Protein backbone atom coordinates (compact mmCIF):
# COMPACT_ATOMS: atom_id res chain seq x y z
CA UNK A 1 5.96 23.50 5.04
CA UNK A 2 9.56 22.92 4.03
CA UNK A 3 9.91 20.64 1.03
CA UNK A 4 6.22 20.39 0.28
CA UNK A 5 3.03 22.00 -0.93
CA UNK A 6 -0.53 21.36 0.17
CA UNK A 7 -2.77 19.70 -2.44
CA UNK A 8 -6.21 19.35 -0.89
CA UNK A 9 -5.38 17.94 2.52
CA UNK A 10 -2.24 16.13 1.41
CA UNK A 11 1.29 17.45 1.54
CA UNK A 12 3.00 16.69 -1.78
CA UNK A 13 6.77 16.43 -1.99
CA UNK A 14 8.62 18.87 -4.21
CA UNK A 15 12.35 18.91 -3.77
CA UNK A 16 14.84 16.07 -3.58
CA UNK A 17 18.23 16.34 -1.89
CA UNK A 18 20.53 15.37 -4.71
CA UNK A 19 23.70 13.85 -3.30
CA UNK A 20 23.14 10.12 -2.97
CA UNK A 21 26.70 9.73 -1.68
CA UNK A 22 25.58 11.20 1.65
CA UNK A 23 22.64 8.79 1.87
CA UNK A 24 22.22 5.23 3.12
CA UNK A 25 24.47 2.44 1.92
CA UNK A 26 23.48 -1.03 0.79
CA UNK A 27 20.07 -0.17 -0.67
CA UNK A 28 19.41 -2.45 -3.66
CA UNK A 29 16.13 -0.93 -4.88
CA UNK A 30 16.42 1.14 -8.09
CA UNK A 31 13.35 3.08 -6.95
CA UNK A 32 13.38 4.33 -3.35
CA UNK A 33 12.70 7.33 -1.15
CA UNK A 34 12.55 8.40 2.48
CA UNK A 35 10.85 11.50 3.84
CA UNK A 36 9.90 13.27 7.03
CA UNK A 37 6.15 12.74 7.41
CA UNK A 38 5.52 16.00 9.25
CA UNK A 39 7.14 18.29 6.70
CA UNK A 40 7.20 16.31 3.44
CA UNK A 41 10.95 16.92 3.24
CA UNK A 42 12.62 14.17 1.21
CA UNK A 43 15.70 12.93 3.04
CA UNK A 44 16.99 10.68 0.26
CA UNK A 45 15.75 9.19 -2.99
CA UNK A 46 16.69 7.15 -6.03
CA UNK A 47 14.68 7.03 -9.27
CA UNK A 48 12.27 9.46 -7.62
CA UNK A 49 10.14 10.10 -10.72
CA UNK A 50 10.71 6.83 -12.59
CA UNK A 51 7.52 4.87 -13.27
CA UNK A 52 7.58 1.27 -12.00
CA UNK A 53 5.08 -1.54 -11.40
CA UNK A 54 4.09 -1.60 -7.72
CA UNK A 55 2.21 -4.86 -7.18
CA UNK A 56 -0.06 -4.93 -4.15
CA UNK A 57 0.98 -1.47 -2.95
CA UNK A 58 -1.95 -0.67 -5.26
CA UNK A 59 -4.23 -1.74 -2.42
CA UNK A 60 -3.29 1.39 -0.46
CA UNK A 61 -5.11 3.47 -3.07
CA UNK A 62 -8.01 1.01 -3.00
CA UNK A 63 -8.26 1.51 0.76
CA UNK A 64 -8.00 5.28 0.37
CA UNK A 65 -10.92 5.37 -2.09
CA UNK A 66 -13.05 3.21 0.22
CA UNK A 67 -12.19 5.25 3.32
CA UNK A 68 -13.07 8.50 1.56
CA UNK A 69 -16.44 7.02 0.61
CA UNK A 70 -17.08 5.82 4.17
CA UNK A 71 -19.59 3.37 5.61
CA UNK A 72 -17.11 1.10 7.40
CA UNK A 73 -19.93 -0.87 9.05
CA UNK A 74 -21.59 -1.60 5.69
CA UNK A 75 -22.08 -5.35 5.21
CA UNK A 76 -20.94 -6.76 1.87
CA UNK A 77 -21.44 -10.30 0.56
CA UNK A 78 -18.36 -12.15 -0.68
CA UNK A 79 -18.91 -13.39 -4.23
CA UNK A 80 -17.61 -16.52 -5.90
CA UNK A 81 -16.29 -14.25 -8.65
CA UNK A 82 -13.89 -12.62 -6.18
CA UNK A 83 -12.52 -15.97 -5.08
CA UNK A 84 -12.23 -17.23 -8.65
CA UNK A 85 -10.43 -14.03 -9.69
CA UNK A 86 -7.71 -14.33 -7.03
CA UNK A 87 -7.27 -18.03 -7.73
CA UNK A 88 -7.18 -17.68 -11.53
CA UNK A 89 -4.52 -14.96 -11.52
CA UNK A 90 -2.46 -16.45 -8.70
CA UNK A 91 -3.05 -13.53 -6.38
CA UNK A 92 -2.54 -13.54 -2.62
CA UNK A 93 -5.76 -14.32 -0.79
CA UNK A 94 -7.54 -13.59 2.47
CA UNK A 95 -9.16 -17.03 2.15
CA UNK A 96 -12.63 -15.57 1.93
CA UNK A 97 -15.70 -17.83 1.67
CA UNK A 98 -18.36 -17.14 -0.94
CA UNK A 99 -21.60 -16.04 0.70
CA UNK A 100 -19.95 -14.63 3.82
CA UNK A 101 -21.18 -11.20 4.85
CA UNK A 102 -18.34 -9.02 6.10
CA UNK A 103 -18.18 -5.34 7.01
CA UNK A 104 -16.14 -2.89 5.00
CA UNK A 105 -13.69 -2.65 7.89
CA UNK A 106 -13.25 -6.43 7.98
CA UNK A 107 -12.68 -6.53 4.22
CA UNK A 108 -10.09 -3.74 4.54
CA UNK A 109 -8.34 -5.89 7.15
CA UNK A 110 -8.43 -8.89 4.82
CA UNK A 111 -7.07 -6.80 1.95
CA UNK A 112 -4.31 -4.93 3.79
CA UNK A 113 -2.94 -7.45 6.30
CA UNK A 114 -2.66 -10.73 4.30
CA UNK A 115 -2.89 -8.75 1.03
CA UNK A 116 -6.11 -10.41 -0.07
CA UNK A 117 -6.85 -9.86 -3.76
CA UNK A 118 -10.22 -11.49 -3.13
CA UNK A 119 -11.03 -8.80 -0.53
CA UNK A 120 -9.91 -6.05 -2.92
CA UNK A 121 -12.22 -7.46 -5.61
CA UNK A 122 -15.19 -7.50 -3.21
CA UNK A 123 -14.57 -3.92 -2.06
CA UNK A 124 -14.07 -2.56 -5.56
CA UNK A 125 -17.19 -4.31 -6.84
CA UNK A 126 -19.31 -2.89 -4.03
CA UNK A 127 -17.88 0.62 -3.94
CA UNK A 128 -17.60 1.24 -7.70
CA UNK A 129 -20.19 0.10 -7.95
CA UNK A 130 -18.47 -2.31 -10.30
CA UNK A 131 -14.76 -2.79 -10.98
CA UNK A 132 -14.52 -0.38 -13.92
CA UNK A 133 -16.10 2.52 -12.05
CA UNK A 134 -13.93 1.85 -9.02
CA UNK A 135 -10.70 1.93 -11.02
CA UNK A 136 -11.85 5.17 -12.64
CA UNK A 137 -12.25 6.63 -9.14
CA UNK A 138 -8.76 5.40 -8.20
CA UNK A 139 -7.26 7.25 -11.16
CA UNK A 140 -9.37 10.35 -10.53
CA UNK A 141 -8.15 10.37 -6.92
CA UNK A 142 -4.56 10.11 -8.13
CA UNK A 143 -5.08 13.09 -10.43
CA UNK A 144 -6.70 15.10 -7.61
CA UNK A 145 -3.63 14.43 -5.48
CA UNK A 146 -1.41 15.77 -8.27
CA UNK A 147 0.08 12.38 -9.12
CA UNK A 148 0.88 12.71 -12.80
CA UNK A 149 2.99 9.56 -13.08
CA UNK A 150 0.63 7.04 -11.49
CA UNK A 151 -1.95 4.82 -13.18
CA UNK A 152 -4.14 1.96 -11.96
CA UNK A 153 -5.74 -0.77 -14.07
CA UNK A 154 -7.30 -2.72 -11.18
CA UNK A 155 -7.80 -2.61 -7.42
CA UNK A 156 -5.10 -5.09 -6.43
CA UNK A 157 -1.98 -4.64 -8.59
CA UNK A 158 -2.09 -8.04 -10.24
CA UNK A 159 -0.65 -8.10 -13.79
CA UNK A 160 -4.05 -7.89 -15.45
CA UNK A 161 -4.10 -7.25 -18.37
CA UNK A 162 -0.32 -6.66 -18.44
CA UNK A 163 2.49 -6.36 -15.92
CA UNK A 164 3.02 -2.67 -16.68
CA UNK A 165 -0.60 -1.49 -16.69
CA UNK A 166 -0.43 -0.33 -13.07
CA UNK A 167 2.53 1.84 -12.12
CA UNK A 168 3.68 4.67 -9.91
CA UNK A 169 6.85 6.43 -8.73
CA UNK A 170 8.55 6.81 -5.35
CA UNK A 171 7.44 10.47 -5.28
CA UNK A 172 3.79 9.61 -5.92
CA UNK A 173 3.75 6.67 -3.52
CA UNK A 174 4.94 8.88 -0.65
CA UNK A 175 1.87 11.06 -1.24
CA UNK A 176 -0.47 8.05 -1.39
CA UNK A 177 1.04 6.57 1.76
CA UNK A 178 0.74 9.81 3.69
CA UNK A 179 -2.86 10.33 2.54
CA UNK A 180 -3.88 6.84 3.68
CA UNK A 181 -2.05 7.06 7.00
CA UNK A 182 -4.06 10.19 7.80
CA UNK A 183 -7.01 7.84 8.48
CA UNK A 184 -6.88 6.35 12.01
CA UNK A 185 -8.64 3.19 10.82
CA UNK A 186 -6.05 2.61 8.10
CA UNK A 187 -3.17 3.23 10.53
CA UNK A 188 -4.66 0.77 13.01
CA UNK A 189 -5.05 -1.97 10.41
CA UNK A 190 -1.63 -1.79 8.74
CA UNK A 191 0.16 -1.78 12.12
CA UNK A 192 -1.26 -5.19 13.05
CA UNK A 193 0.84 -8.34 12.96
CA UNK A 194 -2.16 -10.67 13.21
CA UNK A 195 -5.92 -10.34 13.07
CA UNK A 196 -8.23 -13.04 14.40
CA UNK A 197 -11.86 -12.63 13.38
CA UNK A 198 -14.13 -15.09 15.22
CA UNK A 199 -17.00 -16.68 13.36
CA UNK A 200 -20.10 -14.52 13.58
CA UNK A 201 -23.59 -14.19 12.17
CA UNK A 202 -23.18 -14.63 8.44
CA UNK A 203 -19.45 -15.35 8.21
CA UNK A 204 -16.72 -17.89 8.93
CA UNK A 205 -13.78 -17.38 11.30
CA UNK A 206 -10.61 -15.89 9.79
CA UNK A 207 -7.01 -15.52 10.94
CA UNK A 208 -4.86 -13.11 8.94
CA UNK A 209 -1.11 -12.55 9.25
CA UNK A 210 0.68 -9.52 7.88
CA UNK A 211 2.90 -9.80 4.81
CA UNK A 212 5.16 -7.07 6.27
CA UNK A 213 7.90 -8.96 8.10
CA UNK A 214 9.02 -5.82 9.93
CA UNK A 215 5.76 -5.34 11.86
CA UNK A 216 6.44 -6.08 15.55
CA UNK A 217 10.05 -7.02 14.69
CA UNK A 218 11.71 -3.69 13.78
CA UNK A 219 11.63 -0.66 16.11
CA UNK A 220 8.76 1.72 15.40
CA UNK A 221 7.40 -0.02 12.30
CA UNK A 222 3.70 0.91 11.84
CA UNK A 223 3.00 -0.16 8.22
CA UNK A 224 2.28 0.19 5.36
CA UNK A 225 2.06 -2.34 2.49
CA UNK A 226 4.09 -4.93 0.63
CA UNK A 227 3.89 -5.53 -3.10
CA UNK A 228 5.32 -7.96 -5.62
CA UNK A 229 4.84 -9.27 -9.15
CA UNK A 230 7.34 -10.63 -11.66
CA UNK A 231 7.76 -7.15 -13.16
CA UNK A 232 7.59 -5.20 -9.89
CA UNK A 233 9.98 -7.36 -7.91
CA UNK A 234 9.69 -7.12 -4.14
CA UNK A 235 8.49 -3.74 -2.89
CA UNK A 236 7.49 -2.09 0.38
CA UNK A 237 5.76 1.18 1.21
CA UNK A 238 6.51 1.77 4.89
CA UNK A 239 6.14 4.07 7.87
CA UNK A 240 8.12 4.09 11.10
CA UNK A 241 7.37 6.17 14.20
CA UNK A 242 9.80 6.83 17.03
CA UNK A 243 8.83 9.30 19.74
CA UNK A 244 7.21 12.21 17.90
CA UNK A 245 9.00 11.64 14.59
CA UNK A 246 7.61 9.58 11.71
CA UNK A 247 9.44 8.66 8.51
CA UNK A 248 7.61 7.38 5.43
CA UNK A 249 9.44 5.62 2.63
CA UNK A 250 9.28 3.17 -0.21
CA UNK A 251 11.52 0.64 -1.93
CA UNK A 252 10.62 -0.67 -5.39
CA UNK A 253 12.13 -3.80 -6.98
CA UNK A 254 14.61 -4.48 -4.17
CA UNK A 255 15.04 -7.88 -5.80
CA UNK A 256 13.27 -9.81 -8.56
CA UNK A 257 13.57 -13.07 -6.62
CA UNK A 258 14.58 -12.55 -2.97
CA UNK A 259 11.68 -11.34 -0.82
CA UNK A 260 13.80 -10.41 2.19
CA UNK A 261 15.69 -7.73 0.25
CA UNK A 262 12.76 -5.31 0.46
CA UNK A 263 12.90 -5.56 4.24
CA UNK A 264 16.69 -5.29 4.31
CA UNK A 265 16.53 -2.16 2.13
CA UNK A 266 13.91 -0.69 4.44
CA UNK A 267 16.07 -1.33 7.51
CA UNK A 268 19.03 0.35 5.81
CA UNK A 269 16.96 3.40 4.95
CA UNK A 270 15.48 3.73 8.43
CA UNK A 271 18.74 3.05 10.27
CA UNK A 272 20.24 5.91 8.26
CA UNK A 273 17.19 8.17 8.53
CA UNK A 274 16.86 7.92 12.30
CA UNK A 275 20.61 7.73 12.84
């Protein structure tokens, strides 16, 4: 395929059109890229191979590891440790209740839609088994995908132990995003604006709202994942589908303080890409 090479079942980007002057205007992010999903051709990029913290975009790799393992109907018990972890480090939460028994699919929803660090902790603990083993699998998966400038230190992207211990590049994140979006379950989850889970045997009721402000508000937006920490700034890995054409892109550190800039940057990229 033009612009790419197959690694396993994932098309990895190779070449980058160089002239940024012909690209979109008004993009703040120092790390950004936009590509054609079908071919892997990069339409525009900035800081394509520069390593940057990525915040909760990390959870896309967490989901990918879980989906590759399978067992989406497996029931997993929410631990107090998961809740304490998210609270102690100030992470975003799915509001899980200790003792609730949720399926893997439900935990993926709680991790990807409201960006629940508690849900990521539960999944990583169960699928490692144990956090250390799970993170090792995340990094092994990155290596298998040919991602030489990506490293994970946890399953959620929180700055533990340091802000810069989890990082990636626009090039590598395009590969991760495309690999995850190849799973119908993942695509279905990240396209949702709101998920309402009624109370059931063994668990409370939950209502989760997406952290991606463009879902259901910008034409064709079907995902993928927000991310932010003090070091990462506001980031978004995204996909947009119009007719038979899908563009995947990423913006990293659109602003250190203004959340909306990541969405503004994304609009600018997609307006240019589809225009």
